[in-house]
Amino acid sequence: MAEQQSRAQQLVGDVAPKLAELTDDVLFGDVWARPGLSRRDRSLITVAALTALGRDGQLHSHLGLALANGVTREELAELATHLAFYAGWPAGMTAATMLKQVLDEQ
């Protein structure tokens, strides 16, 4: 039976295999596994950073990951509202809209 590919392998493994490998091994295998923060807290931080920086391409998947890591829909909605004032209204609205999409998909 074939080994299931990681999300990074699915997204870019055929065009940037080293980037996919580093994503799997370093980012998620090391950085996300460090003991200093929980996966839940790392998800909150990541969603906030992606929202503030306008990295919408990664935001969708990290909203889903945040929910899987125990962040509630209410907390993510509050994050979007809070960041609307610090990162700009469009950033907050984009995060809220994308959160709605993720929730509708689940």
N, C-alpha and C. Protein backbone atom coordinates (compact mmCIF):
# COMPACT_ATOMS: atom_id res chain seq x y z
N MET A 1 0.84 -1.18 0.00
CA MET A 1 0.00 0.00 0.00
C MET A 1 0.88 1.24 0.00
N ALA A 2 0.56 2.21 -0.82
CA ALA A 2 1.36 3.42 -0.94
C ALA A 2 1.20 4.30 0.30
N GLU A 3 2.30 4.92 0.69
CA GLU A 3 2.29 5.83 1.83
C GLU A 3 1.51 7.09 1.46
N GLN A 4 0.64 7.54 2.37
CA GLN A 4 -0.14 8.75 2.11
C GLN A 4 0.77 9.97 2.16
N GLN A 5 0.62 10.83 1.17
CA GLN A 5 1.45 12.03 1.10
C GLN A 5 0.98 13.08 2.10
N SER A 6 1.93 13.84 2.62
CA SER A 6 1.59 14.97 3.48
C SER A 6 0.93 16.05 2.64
N ARG A 7 0.35 17.02 3.31
CA ARG A 7 -0.27 18.14 2.59
C ARG A 7 0.79 18.89 1.78
N ALA A 8 1.97 19.07 2.35
CA ALA A 8 3.05 19.75 1.61
C ALA A 8 3.44 18.96 0.37
N GLN A 9 3.52 17.64 0.50
CA GLN A 9 3.85 16.80 -0.65
C GLN A 9 2.77 16.92 -1.72
N GLN A 10 1.51 16.95 -1.30
CA GLN A 10 0.42 17.09 -2.26
C GLN A 10 0.47 18.43 -2.99
N LEU A 11 0.77 19.48 -2.24
CA LEU A 11 0.74 20.83 -2.82
C LEU A 11 1.93 21.12 -3.73
N VAL A 12 3.15 20.79 -3.28
CA VAL A 12 4.33 21.22 -4.03
C VAL A 12 5.39 20.14 -4.21
N GLY A 13 5.10 18.92 -3.77
CA GLY A 13 6.09 17.86 -3.84
C GLY A 13 6.62 17.58 -5.23
N ASP A 14 5.78 17.75 -6.24
CA ASP A 14 6.24 17.46 -7.60
C ASP A 14 7.05 18.60 -8.20
N VAL A 15 6.85 19.84 -7.73
CA VAL A 15 7.59 20.97 -8.31
C VAL A 15 8.71 21.47 -7.40
N ALA A 16 8.56 21.30 -6.10
CA ALA A 16 9.57 21.76 -5.14
C ALA A 16 9.71 20.71 -4.04
N PRO A 17 10.28 19.55 -4.38
CA PRO A 17 10.33 18.46 -3.41
C PRO A 17 11.11 18.80 -2.13
N LYS A 18 12.16 19.58 -2.25
CA LYS A 18 12.93 19.94 -1.05
C LYS A 18 12.11 20.83 -0.13
N LEU A 19 11.35 21.76 -0.70
CA LEU A 19 10.48 22.62 0.10
C LEU A 19 9.44 21.77 0.84
N ALA A 20 8.86 20.80 0.17
CA ALA A 20 7.90 19.91 0.81
C ALA A 20 8.57 19.12 1.94
N GLU A 21 9.77 18.63 1.67
CA GLU A 21 10.52 17.87 2.69
C GLU A 21 10.83 18.73 3.91
N LEU A 22 11.29 19.96 3.68
CA LEU A 22 11.59 20.87 4.79
C LEU A 22 10.33 21.23 5.57
N THR A 23 9.24 21.40 4.86
CA THR A 23 7.97 21.69 5.53
C THR A 23 7.60 20.55 6.46
N ASP A 24 7.70 19.34 5.96
CA ASP A 24 7.35 18.17 6.77
C ASP A 24 8.32 17.95 7.93
N ASP A 25 9.62 17.98 7.62
CA ASP A 25 10.63 17.60 8.60
C ASP A 25 10.99 18.71 9.58
N VAL A 26 11.15 19.93 9.08
CA VAL A 26 11.60 21.01 9.95
C VAL A 26 10.42 21.77 10.55
N LEU A 27 9.55 22.30 9.69
CA LEU A 27 8.45 23.11 10.20
C LEU A 27 7.51 22.31 11.08
N PHE A 28 6.93 21.23 10.52
CA PHE A 28 5.97 20.47 11.31
C PHE A 28 6.62 19.39 12.15
N GLY A 29 7.76 18.87 11.74
CA GLY A 29 8.43 17.83 12.50
C GLY A 29 9.25 18.35 13.67
N ASP A 30 9.70 19.60 13.59
CA ASP A 30 10.53 20.17 14.65
C ASP A 30 9.87 21.39 15.28
N VAL A 31 9.68 22.45 14.52
CA VAL A 31 9.19 23.71 15.08
C VAL A 31 7.83 23.53 15.75
N TRP A 32 6.89 22.90 15.07
CA TRP A 32 5.56 22.72 15.64
C TRP A 32 5.57 21.71 16.80
N ALA A 33 6.60 20.91 16.92
CA ALA A 33 6.67 19.89 17.97
C ALA A 33 7.44 20.36 19.21
N ARG A 34 8.00 21.57 19.16
CA ARG A 34 8.77 22.05 20.31
C ARG A 34 7.87 22.17 21.53
N PRO A 35 8.42 21.95 22.74
CA PRO A 35 7.60 21.91 23.94
C PRO A 35 7.19 23.28 24.49
N GLY A 36 7.75 24.37 24.01
CA GLY A 36 7.49 25.68 24.60
C GLY A 36 6.08 26.22 24.43
N LEU A 37 5.38 25.77 23.40
CA LEU A 37 4.00 26.19 23.15
C LEU A 37 3.20 24.98 22.73
N SER A 38 1.93 24.99 23.07
CA SER A 38 1.05 23.90 22.62
C SER A 38 0.74 24.09 21.14
N ARG A 39 0.28 23.02 20.50
CA ARG A 39 -0.13 23.12 19.09
C ARG A 39 -1.30 24.11 18.96
N ARG A 40 -2.16 24.16 19.97
CA ARG A 40 -3.27 25.09 19.97
C ARG A 40 -2.76 26.53 19.93
N ASP A 41 -1.82 26.84 20.81
CA ASP A 41 -1.25 28.19 20.85
C ASP A 41 -0.51 28.51 19.56
N ARG A 42 0.23 27.54 19.04
CA ARG A 42 0.93 27.77 17.78
C ARG A 42 -0.07 28.06 16.65
N SER A 43 -1.21 27.39 16.68
CA SER A 43 -2.23 27.65 15.66
C SER A 43 -2.77 29.08 15.78
N LEU A 44 -3.05 29.52 17.00
CA LEU A 44 -3.53 30.90 17.19
C LEU A 44 -2.52 31.91 16.67
N ILE A 45 -1.26 31.70 17.01
CA ILE A 45 -0.20 32.59 16.57
C ILE A 45 -0.09 32.58 15.04
N THR A 46 -0.13 31.41 14.46
CA THR A 46 0.01 31.28 13.01
C THR A 46 -1.15 31.94 12.28
N VAL A 47 -2.37 31.70 12.74
CA VAL A 47 -3.53 32.31 12.10
C VAL A 47 -3.45 33.83 12.23
N ALA A 48 -3.04 34.33 13.39
CA ALA A 48 -2.91 35.77 13.57
C ALA A 48 -1.85 36.36 12.62
N ALA A 49 -0.71 35.69 12.51
CA ALA A 49 0.34 36.18 11.63
C ALA A 49 -0.09 36.15 10.17
N LEU A 50 -0.70 35.06 9.75
CA LEU A 50 -1.14 34.95 8.36
C LEU A 50 -2.21 36.00 8.04
N THR A 51 -3.09 36.25 9.00
CA THR A 51 -4.12 37.28 8.81
C THR A 51 -3.48 38.65 8.69
N ALA A 52 -2.60 38.97 9.62
CA ALA A 52 -1.98 40.30 9.63
C ALA A 52 -1.12 40.54 8.40
N LEU A 53 -0.48 39.50 7.91
CA LEU A 53 0.40 39.64 6.75
C LEU A 53 -0.33 39.47 5.42
N GLY A 54 -1.62 39.14 5.48
CA GLY A 54 -2.38 38.96 4.24
C GLY A 54 -1.97 37.73 3.46
N ARG A 55 -1.58 36.68 4.15
CA ARG A 55 -1.15 35.44 3.49
C ARG A 55 -2.34 34.51 3.36
N ASP A 56 -3.30 34.93 2.54
CA ASP A 56 -4.56 34.22 2.43
C ASP A 56 -4.42 32.81 1.87
N GLY A 57 -3.43 32.57 1.05
CA GLY A 57 -3.23 31.24 0.48
C GLY A 57 -2.98 30.18 1.54
N GLN A 58 -2.34 30.56 2.62
CA GLN A 58 -2.06 29.62 3.71
C GLN A 58 -3.10 29.69 4.82
N LEU A 59 -3.84 30.80 4.88
CA LEU A 59 -4.78 31.02 5.98
C LEU A 59 -5.87 29.96 6.02
N HIS A 60 -6.42 29.60 4.89
CA HIS A 60 -7.51 28.63 4.84
C HIS A 60 -7.13 27.33 5.52
N SER A 61 -6.00 26.76 5.14
CA SER A 61 -5.60 25.47 5.72
C SER A 61 -5.26 25.61 7.20
N HIS A 62 -4.69 26.75 7.59
CA HIS A 62 -4.33 26.91 9.00
C HIS A 62 -5.55 27.19 9.88
N LEU A 63 -6.62 27.73 9.31
CA LEU A 63 -7.86 27.83 10.07
C LEU A 63 -8.40 26.43 10.37
N GLY A 64 -8.38 25.57 9.39
CA GLY A 64 -8.80 24.18 9.61
C GLY A 64 -7.93 23.48 10.62
N LEU A 65 -6.62 23.69 10.52
CA LEU A 65 -5.69 23.09 11.47
C LEU A 65 -5.93 23.63 12.88
N ALA A 66 -6.21 24.92 12.99
CA ALA A 66 -6.48 25.53 14.30
C ALA A 66 -7.69 24.86 14.95
N LEU A 67 -8.74 24.66 14.18
CA LEU A 67 -9.93 23.98 14.71
C LEU A 67 -9.57 22.57 15.16
N ALA A 68 -8.77 21.86 14.37
CA ALA A 68 -8.35 20.50 14.73
C ALA A 68 -7.46 20.51 15.97
N ASN A 69 -6.75 21.61 16.19
CA ASN A 69 -5.86 21.73 17.36
C ASN A 69 -6.55 22.28 18.59
N GLY A 70 -7.88 22.43 18.53
CA GLY A 70 -8.64 22.81 19.72
C GLY A 70 -9.01 24.27 19.84
N VAL A 71 -8.66 25.10 18.87
CA VAL A 71 -9.09 26.49 18.89
C VAL A 71 -10.57 26.49 18.49
N THR A 72 -11.39 27.21 19.22
CA THR A 72 -12.83 27.20 18.93
C THR A 72 -13.17 28.19 17.82
N ARG A 73 -14.31 27.98 17.22
CA ARG A 73 -14.78 28.91 16.18
C ARG A 73 -14.98 30.30 16.77
N GLU A 74 -15.42 30.36 18.03
CA GLU A 74 -15.62 31.65 18.69
C GLU A 74 -14.28 32.37 18.88
N GLU A 75 -13.26 31.63 19.25
CA GLU A 75 -11.94 32.23 19.42
C GLU A 75 -11.39 32.73 18.08
N LEU A 76 -11.60 31.97 17.02
CA LEU A 76 -11.12 32.41 15.71
C LEU A 76 -11.90 33.62 15.21
N ALA A 77 -13.19 33.68 15.50
CA ALA A 77 -13.99 34.85 15.14
C ALA A 77 -13.50 36.07 15.93
N GLU A 78 -13.19 35.88 17.19
CA GLU A 78 -12.68 36.98 18.01
C GLU A 78 -11.31 37.44 17.52
N LEU A 79 -10.48 36.49 17.10
CA LEU A 79 -9.17 36.83 16.53
C LEU A 79 -9.36 37.72 15.30
N ALA A 80 -10.28 37.36 14.42
CA ALA A 80 -10.53 38.16 13.21
C ALA A 80 -11.01 39.56 13.57
N THR A 81 -11.90 39.64 14.55
CA THR A 81 -12.42 40.94 14.99
C THR A 81 -11.32 41.79 15.60
N HIS A 82 -10.53 41.21 16.45
CA HIS A 82 -9.43 41.92 17.11
C HIS A 82 -8.41 42.43 16.09
N LEU A 83 -8.05 41.56 15.15
CA LEU A 83 -7.05 41.94 14.15
C LEU A 83 -7.55 42.97 13.15
N ALA A 84 -8.86 43.09 13.01
CA ALA A 84 -9.40 44.13 12.12
C ALA A 84 -8.91 45.50 12.56
N PHE A 85 -8.69 45.68 13.84
CA PHE A 85 -8.24 46.97 14.36
C PHE A 85 -6.72 47.11 14.37
N TYR A 86 -6.00 46.01 14.41
CA TYR A 86 -4.54 46.07 14.45
C TYR A 86 -3.90 45.83 13.09
N ALA A 87 -4.52 45.00 12.26
CA ALA A 87 -3.94 44.65 10.96
C ALA A 87 -4.71 45.26 9.81
N GLY A 88 -5.83 45.88 10.10
CA GLY A 88 -6.65 46.51 9.07
C GLY A 88 -7.96 45.77 8.86
N TRP A 89 -8.97 46.55 8.56
CA TRP A 89 -10.31 45.99 8.37
C TRP A 89 -10.36 44.90 7.31
N PRO A 90 -9.73 45.11 6.15
CA PRO A 90 -9.77 44.04 5.13
C PRO A 90 -9.16 42.73 5.64
N ALA A 91 -8.12 42.81 6.42
CA ALA A 91 -7.50 41.58 6.95
C ALA A 91 -8.47 40.85 7.87
N GLY A 92 -9.13 41.58 8.75
CA GLY A 92 -10.09 40.96 9.65
C GLY A 92 -11.28 40.37 8.90
N MET A 93 -11.77 41.11 7.91
CA MET A 93 -12.89 40.62 7.12
C MET A 93 -12.50 39.39 6.31
N THR A 94 -11.30 39.37 5.77
CA THR A 94 -10.84 38.21 5.01
C THR A 94 -10.76 37.00 5.92
N ALA A 95 -10.21 37.17 7.12
CA ALA A 95 -10.11 36.05 8.05
C ALA A 95 -11.49 35.54 8.45
N ALA A 96 -12.43 36.44 8.70
CA ALA A 96 -13.78 36.03 9.08
C ALA A 96 -14.48 35.31 7.93
N THR A 97 -14.31 35.85 6.72
CA THR A 97 -14.92 35.22 5.54
C THR A 97 -14.34 33.83 5.30
N MET A 98 -13.03 33.72 5.44
CA MET A 98 -12.38 32.43 5.23
C MET A 98 -12.77 31.45 6.34
N LEU A 99 -12.92 31.94 7.57
CA LEU A 99 -13.38 31.08 8.66
C LEU A 99 -14.77 30.53 8.34
N LYS A 100 -15.64 31.36 7.82
CA LYS A 100 -16.97 30.91 7.43
C LYS A 100 -16.88 29.80 6.38
N GLN A 101 -16.01 29.97 5.41
CA GLN A 101 -15.82 28.95 4.36
C GLN A 101 -15.35 27.62 4.97
N VAL A 102 -14.37 27.71 5.86
CA VAL A 102 -13.83 26.50 6.49
C VAL A 102 -14.91 25.80 7.30
N LEU A 103 -15.69 26.57 8.06
CA LEU A 103 -16.75 25.98 8.86
C LEU A 103 -17.83 25.36 7.98
N ASP A 104 -18.15 26.02 6.89
CA ASP A 104 -19.16 25.48 5.95
C ASP A 104 -18.68 24.17 5.32
N GLU A 105 -17.37 24.04 5.12
CA GLU A 105 -16.80 22.82 4.52
C GLU A 105 -16.78 21.65 5.49
N GLN A 106 -16.83 21.96 6.78
CA GLN A 106 -16.74 20.88 7.78
C GLN A 106 -18.05 20.28 8.07
